């Protein structure tokens, strides 16, 4: 943990891509940090042209630019927790990992952005290998979705038992804990997550919110975990609080654009203006 000597204001750093539509990536992370009263800092890895309908262009920053951003933040302000999102390629992943090691960052949340919720691969095999062998072993917690967990564990995932097996295999890569997310599961398993920390299992359930406006849920969850870690919460508490936050934000998801809108990060401010989405027990 790297903390500023001047201030005890909690600080979180997101290392991720920019979403021009404002629903995911850096934009979602900073909103989540702000909701939790944590000062949010950022290191951009790529710039995307996207909206509620999809992504039309991705431009990666060079690894040196990513390193410079991390050094600027940590060297002056300090950080209490860090989350990674879209790292895009092997060069950026290796650069980020080197800085995590140099700055001895303990509260590292790795959202292994490899596959979209629709199942589309987002990074190549070299980047996946770097993620598995270098970055995940440094993580306090890894938060793969169903498709990402399948790649990381090399297991098909169709049940809670499959999620448990995948979590165990991913944990064996070296992370302190794993949260396999069930947002991409079908029926009653939708939204059921499995936690494993090497000592025990937990199956985390929440109300299923009946909305198609779920853009940015993965980014938001990992950012909320990082925010709670920055606030001094223990790892499992940080995860459960983050899951509750996302569920509430989904109830006030924003119906904007022609496609999949984002969650309502500042849902207390939206309650008087927006009707909540229906929930399914």
Protein backbone atom coordinates (compact mmCIF):
# COMPACT_ATOMS: atom_id res chain seq x y z
CA UNK A 1 0.00 0.00 0.00
CA UNK A 2 1.38 3.42 -0.95
CA UNK A 3 -0.09 6.34 1.01
CA UNK A 4 0.56 10.06 0.74
CA UNK A 5 2.38 11.48 3.75
CA UNK A 6 0.35 14.70 3.51
CA UNK A 7 -3.20 13.43 3.48
CA UNK A 8 -5.28 10.60 4.82
CA UNK A 9 -7.98 11.12 2.21
CA UNK A 10 -8.53 7.65 0.67
CA UNK A 11 -7.17 7.47 -2.87
CA UNK A 12 -7.89 4.87 -5.55
CA UNK A 13 -6.25 4.53 -8.95
CA UNK A 14 -7.90 3.03 -12.02
CA UNK A 15 -5.72 1.78 -14.85
CA UNK A 16 -8.11 1.23 -17.74
CA UNK A 17 -9.49 2.47 -21.04
CA UNK A 18 -11.70 5.45 -21.79
CA UNK A 19 -15.32 4.89 -22.83
CA UNK A 20 -16.53 7.87 -24.87
CA UNK A 21 -20.12 6.88 -24.11
CA UNK A 22 -19.45 7.29 -20.38
CA UNK A 23 -20.86 3.93 -19.31
CA UNK A 24 -17.79 1.84 -18.57
CA UNK A 25 -14.01 2.09 -18.26
CA UNK A 26 -12.35 5.08 -16.65
CA UNK A 27 -15.59 7.05 -16.61
CA UNK A 28 -17.51 4.39 -14.67
CA UNK A 29 -14.59 3.86 -12.30
CA UNK A 30 -14.25 7.53 -11.38
CA UNK A 31 -17.99 7.85 -10.77
CA UNK A 32 -17.85 4.80 -8.51
CA UNK A 33 -14.89 6.18 -6.56
CA UNK A 34 -16.70 9.50 -6.13
CA UNK A 35 -19.85 7.78 -4.85
CA UNK A 36 -17.76 6.12 -2.15
CA UNK A 37 -16.11 9.43 -1.17
CA UNK A 38 -12.73 8.19 -2.39
CA UNK A 39 -10.48 10.46 -4.43
CA UNK A 40 -10.21 8.91 -7.88
CA UNK A 41 -7.07 9.01 -10.01
CA UNK A 42 -6.50 7.41 -13.39
CA UNK A 43 -3.99 6.05 -15.88
CA UNK A 44 -5.45 5.67 -19.37
CA UNK A 45 -4.40 2.63 -21.41
CA UNK A 46 -6.48 3.22 -24.51
CA UNK A 47 -9.12 5.50 -25.99
CA UNK A 48 -12.26 3.94 -27.42
CA UNK A 49 -14.94 5.36 -29.66
CA UNK A 50 -18.10 3.76 -28.33
CA UNK A 51 -21.70 4.33 -27.35
CA UNK A 52 -24.62 2.21 -26.19
CA UNK A 53 -24.54 0.27 -29.46
CA UNK A 54 -20.92 -0.85 -29.36
CA UNK A 55 -17.27 -0.01 -30.00
CA UNK A 56 -16.21 1.44 -33.35
CA UNK A 57 -12.53 2.19 -32.70
CA UNK A 58 -9.79 1.47 -30.15
CA UNK A 59 -6.47 3.33 -29.97
CA UNK A 60 -3.88 2.07 -27.49
CA UNK A 61 -1.49 4.35 -25.66
CA UNK A 62 2.16 3.32 -25.59
CA UNK A 63 3.36 1.51 -22.47
CA UNK A 64 5.65 4.42 -21.60
CA UNK A 65 2.68 6.81 -21.43
CA UNK A 66 0.83 4.42 -19.10
CA UNK A 67 3.89 4.14 -16.85
CA UNK A 68 4.26 7.93 -16.74
CA UNK A 69 0.68 8.34 -15.54
CA UNK A 70 1.10 5.74 -12.79
CA UNK A 71 4.37 7.27 -11.62
CA UNK A 72 2.88 10.77 -11.58
CA UNK A 73 -0.03 9.69 -9.38
CA UNK A 74 1.75 7.36 -6.98
CA UNK A 75 4.87 9.51 -6.68
CA UNK A 76 2.96 12.59 -5.56
CA UNK A 77 -0.52 11.69 -4.28
CA UNK A 78 -0.07 8.06 -3.27
CA UNK A 79 -2.72 5.34 -3.57
CA UNK A 80 -4.57 3.09 -1.14
CA UNK A 81 -5.98 0.72 -3.78
CA UNK A 82 -5.61 0.11 -7.50
CA UNK A 83 -7.89 -1.54 -10.04
CA UNK A 84 -7.04 -2.60 -13.56
CA UNK A 85 -9.50 -2.85 -16.41
CA UNK A 86 -8.82 -2.93 -20.15
CA UNK A 87 -5.05 -3.27 -20.50
CA UNK A 88 -5.34 -4.29 -24.14
CA UNK A 89 -1.92 -5.80 -24.90
CA UNK A 90 1.09 -7.58 -23.44
CA UNK A 91 3.31 -4.48 -23.39
CA UNK A 92 0.89 -2.48 -21.27
CA UNK A 93 0.20 -5.43 -18.94
CA UNK A 94 3.91 -6.02 -18.33
CA UNK A 95 4.47 -2.31 -17.71
CA UNK A 96 1.62 -2.14 -15.20
CA UNK A 97 2.86 -5.27 -13.42
CA UNK A 98 6.35 -3.80 -13.10
CA UNK A 99 4.96 -0.69 -11.39
CA UNK A 100 2.74 -2.74 -9.07
CA UNK A 101 5.87 -4.60 -7.96
CA UNK A 102 8.07 -1.52 -7.63
CA UNK A 103 5.48 0.43 -5.63
CA UNK A 104 4.57 -2.68 -3.59
CA UNK A 105 0.85 -2.22 -4.18
CA UNK A 106 -1.09 -4.73 -2.09
CA UNK A 107 -4.71 -3.74 -2.70
CA UNK A 108 -4.77 -4.66 -6.38
CA UNK A 109 -8.10 -5.53 -7.98
CA UNK A 110 -7.69 -7.18 -11.38
CA UNK A 111 -10.72 -7.07 -13.63
CA UNK A 112 -9.35 -9.31 -16.41
CA UNK A 113 -11.02 -7.59 -19.35
CA UNK A 114 -10.48 -10.30 -21.94
CA UNK A 115 -13.92 -11.16 -23.25
CA UNK A 116 -17.07 -9.11 -23.56
CA UNK A 117 -20.32 -10.26 -21.95
CA UNK A 118 -21.42 -11.34 -25.46
CA UNK A 119 -18.40 -13.67 -25.64
CA UNK A 120 -16.21 -11.66 -28.05
CA UNK A 121 -12.44 -11.97 -27.43
CA UNK A 122 -10.86 -8.57 -26.73
CA UNK A 123 -7.15 -9.40 -26.31
CA UNK A 124 -4.72 -11.80 -27.97
CA UNK A 125 -3.07 -14.96 -26.62
CA UNK A 126 0.19 -13.21 -25.64
CA UNK A 127 -1.72 -10.73 -23.50
CA UNK A 128 -3.74 -13.53 -21.89
CA UNK A 129 -0.52 -15.40 -21.02
CA UNK A 130 0.94 -12.23 -19.46
CA UNK A 131 -2.24 -11.74 -17.47
CA UNK A 132 -2.13 -15.32 -16.15
CA UNK A 133 1.59 -15.49 -15.41
CA UNK A 134 2.47 -11.98 -14.25
CA UNK A 135 -0.46 -9.78 -13.23
CA UNK A 136 -2.95 -12.18 -11.64
CA UNK A 137 -0.34 -13.55 -9.18
CA UNK A 138 -0.05 -9.98 -7.82
CA UNK A 139 -3.79 -9.52 -7.30
CA UNK A 140 -5.66 -9.26 -4.03
CA UNK A 141 -8.74 -10.32 -5.97
CA UNK A 142 -9.52 -11.21 -9.59
CA UNK A 143 -13.05 -10.65 -10.94
CA UNK A 144 -13.57 -12.62 -14.18
CA UNK A 145 -16.95 -12.95 -15.85
CA UNK A 146 -18.14 -16.34 -17.03
CA UNK A 147 -16.31 -16.17 -20.37
CA UNK A 148 -13.08 -14.86 -18.86
CA UNK A 149 -13.16 -17.52 -16.17
CA UNK A 150 -13.56 -20.16 -18.88
CA UNK A 151 -10.38 -18.98 -20.61
CA UNK A 152 -8.36 -18.59 -17.41
CA UNK A 153 -9.38 -22.01 -16.04
CA UNK A 154 -9.83 -23.89 -19.32
CA UNK A 155 -13.13 -25.20 -17.97
CA UNK A 156 -16.66 -24.98 -19.32
CA UNK A 157 -18.91 -23.10 -16.90
CA UNK A 158 -22.60 -23.99 -16.76
CA UNK A 159 -23.29 -24.43 -13.03
CA UNK A 160 -22.28 -23.22 -9.58
CA UNK A 161 -20.05 -26.28 -9.23
CA UNK A 162 -18.32 -25.29 -12.48
CA UNK A 163 -17.86 -21.77 -11.12
CA UNK A 164 -16.31 -23.21 -7.95
CA UNK A 165 -13.89 -25.36 -9.99
CA UNK A 166 -12.93 -22.39 -12.16
CA UNK A 167 -12.39 -20.17 -9.11
CA UNK A 168 -10.09 -22.79 -7.58
CA UNK A 169 -8.00 -23.10 -10.75
CA UNK A 170 -7.70 -19.33 -11.15
CA UNK A 171 -6.75 -19.00 -7.48
CA UNK A 172 -3.92 -21.45 -8.12
CA UNK A 173 -2.35 -18.85 -10.44
CA UNK A 174 -1.42 -16.90 -7.31
CA UNK A 175 -4.17 -14.39 -6.56
CA UNK A 176 -5.28 -14.04 -2.94
CA UNK A 177 -8.94 -14.41 -3.90
CA UNK A 178 -11.18 -14.93 -6.93
CA UNK A 179 -14.72 -13.79 -7.62
CA UNK A 180 -16.24 -15.61 -10.60
CA UNK A 181 -19.18 -13.48 -11.73
CA UNK A 182 -22.42 -15.03 -12.90
CA UNK A 183 -23.87 -12.10 -14.83
CA UNK A 184 -23.54 -14.10 -18.03
CA UNK A 185 -25.20 -17.21 -16.61
CA UNK A 186 -28.72 -18.28 -17.51
CA UNK A 187 -31.93 -18.49 -15.49
CA UNK A 188 -31.63 -18.64 -11.72
CA UNK A 189 -27.82 -18.53 -11.92
CA UNK A 190 -27.82 -15.07 -13.46
CA UNK A 191 -26.16 -12.72 -11.00
CA UNK A 192 -24.90 -15.51 -8.73
CA UNK A 193 -21.19 -15.06 -7.99
CA UNK A 194 -18.71 -17.50 -6.45
CA UNK A 195 -15.93 -16.35 -4.10
CA UNK A 196 -12.87 -18.43 -3.23
CA UNK A 197 -9.86 -17.31 -1.17
CA UNK A 198 -8.05 -20.60 -0.72
CA UNK A 199 -9.69 -21.21 2.65
CA UNK A 200 -13.37 -21.35 1.83
CA UNK A 201 -16.18 -20.75 -0.64
CA UNK A 202 -19.02 -18.30 -0.62
CA UNK A 203 -21.91 -18.18 -3.08
CA UNK A 204 -23.09 -14.57 -3.30
CA UNK A 205 -26.63 -13.95 -4.42
CA UNK A 206 -28.54 -10.75 -5.02
CA UNK A 207 -31.82 -9.67 -6.52
CA UNK A 208 -31.84 -10.01 -10.28
CA UNK A 209 -32.72 -6.67 -11.82
CA UNK A 210 -34.82 -6.95 -14.96
CA UNK A 211 -33.08 -4.46 -17.24
CA UNK A 212 -31.08 -4.57 -20.47
CA UNK A 213 -29.17 -1.45 -19.36
CA UNK A 214 -26.20 -3.21 -17.79
CA UNK A 215 -23.27 -1.56 -19.57
CA UNK A 216 -20.30 -1.11 -17.26
CA UNK A 217 -21.34 -3.50 -14.49
CA UNK A 218 -17.99 -5.32 -14.44
CA UNK A 219 -15.98 -2.09 -14.34
CA UNK A 220 -18.26 -0.70 -11.66
CA UNK A 221 -17.99 -3.80 -9.46
CA UNK A 222 -14.19 -3.90 -9.53
CA UNK A 223 -14.00 -0.13 -8.94
CA UNK A 224 -16.34 -0.44 -5.95
CA UNK A 225 -14.17 -3.22 -4.51
CA UNK A 226 -11.10 -0.99 -4.89
CA UNK A 227 -12.93 1.95 -3.30
CA UNK A 228 -13.91 -0.13 -0.29
CA UNK A 229 -10.37 -1.44 0.08
CA UNK A 230 -9.13 2.17 -0.01
CA UNK A 231 -11.57 2.89 2.81
CA UNK A 232 -9.95 0.16 4.90
CA UNK A 233 -12.51 -2.63 4.48
CA UNK A 234 -11.30 -6.22 4.51
CA UNK A 235 -11.33 -8.04 1.19
CA UNK A 236 -14.52 -10.07 1.55
CA UNK A 237 -16.45 -7.15 3.03
CA UNK A 238 -15.25 -4.96 0.14
CA UNK A 239 -16.59 -7.52 -2.33
CA UNK A 240 -20.00 -7.89 -0.67
CA UNK A 241 -20.46 -4.13 -0.34
CA UNK A 242 -19.48 -3.70 -3.99
CA UNK A 243 -22.00 -6.31 -5.13
CA UNK A 244 -24.75 -4.53 -3.19
CA UNK A 245 -23.74 -1.23 -4.76
CA UNK A 246 -23.98 -2.64 -8.29
CA UNK A 247 -27.40 -4.16 -7.56
CA UNK A 248 -28.70 -0.78 -6.40
CA UNK A 249 -27.14 0.98 -9.38
CA UNK A 250 -28.81 -1.51 -11.75
CA UNK A 251 -32.19 -0.68 -10.26
CA UNK A 252 -31.67 2.89 -11.47
CA UNK A 253 -29.92 2.08 -14.75
CA UNK A 254 -30.04 4.80 -17.38
CA UNK A 255 -32.20 4.19 -20.44
CA UNK A 256 -30.19 6.31 -22.86
CA UNK A 257 -29.17 5.80 -26.47
CA UNK A 258 -30.45 3.12 -28.80
CA UNK A 259 -28.62 0.20 -27.21
CA UNK A 260 -27.44 -0.92 -23.77
CA UNK A 261 -27.40 1.96 -21.29
CA UNK A 262 -25.18 2.20 -18.20
CA UNK A 263 -25.96 1.60 -14.56
CA UNK A 264 -26.96 4.56 -12.37
CA UNK A 265 -23.78 5.16 -10.39
CA UNK A 266 -25.30 7.97 -8.34
CA UNK A 267 -28.61 6.19 -7.70
CA UNK A 268 -29.47 8.15 -4.51
CA UNK A 269 -29.62 11.28 -6.67
CA UNK A 270 -31.72 9.49 -9.29
CA UNK A 271 -34.38 8.08 -6.97
CA UNK A 272 -36.66 11.10 -7.21
CA UNK A 273 -36.23 11.46 -10.98
CA UNK A 274 -36.13 7.91 -12.37
CA UNK A 275 -38.43 4.95 -11.76
CA UNK A 276 -36.48 1.95 -10.50
CA UNK A 277 -36.13 -1.13 -12.73
CA UNK A 278 -38.15 -4.15 -11.63
CA UNK A 279 -36.40 -6.87 -9.66
CA UNK A 280 -36.76 -10.63 -9.77
CA UNK A 281 -36.25 -12.55 -6.54
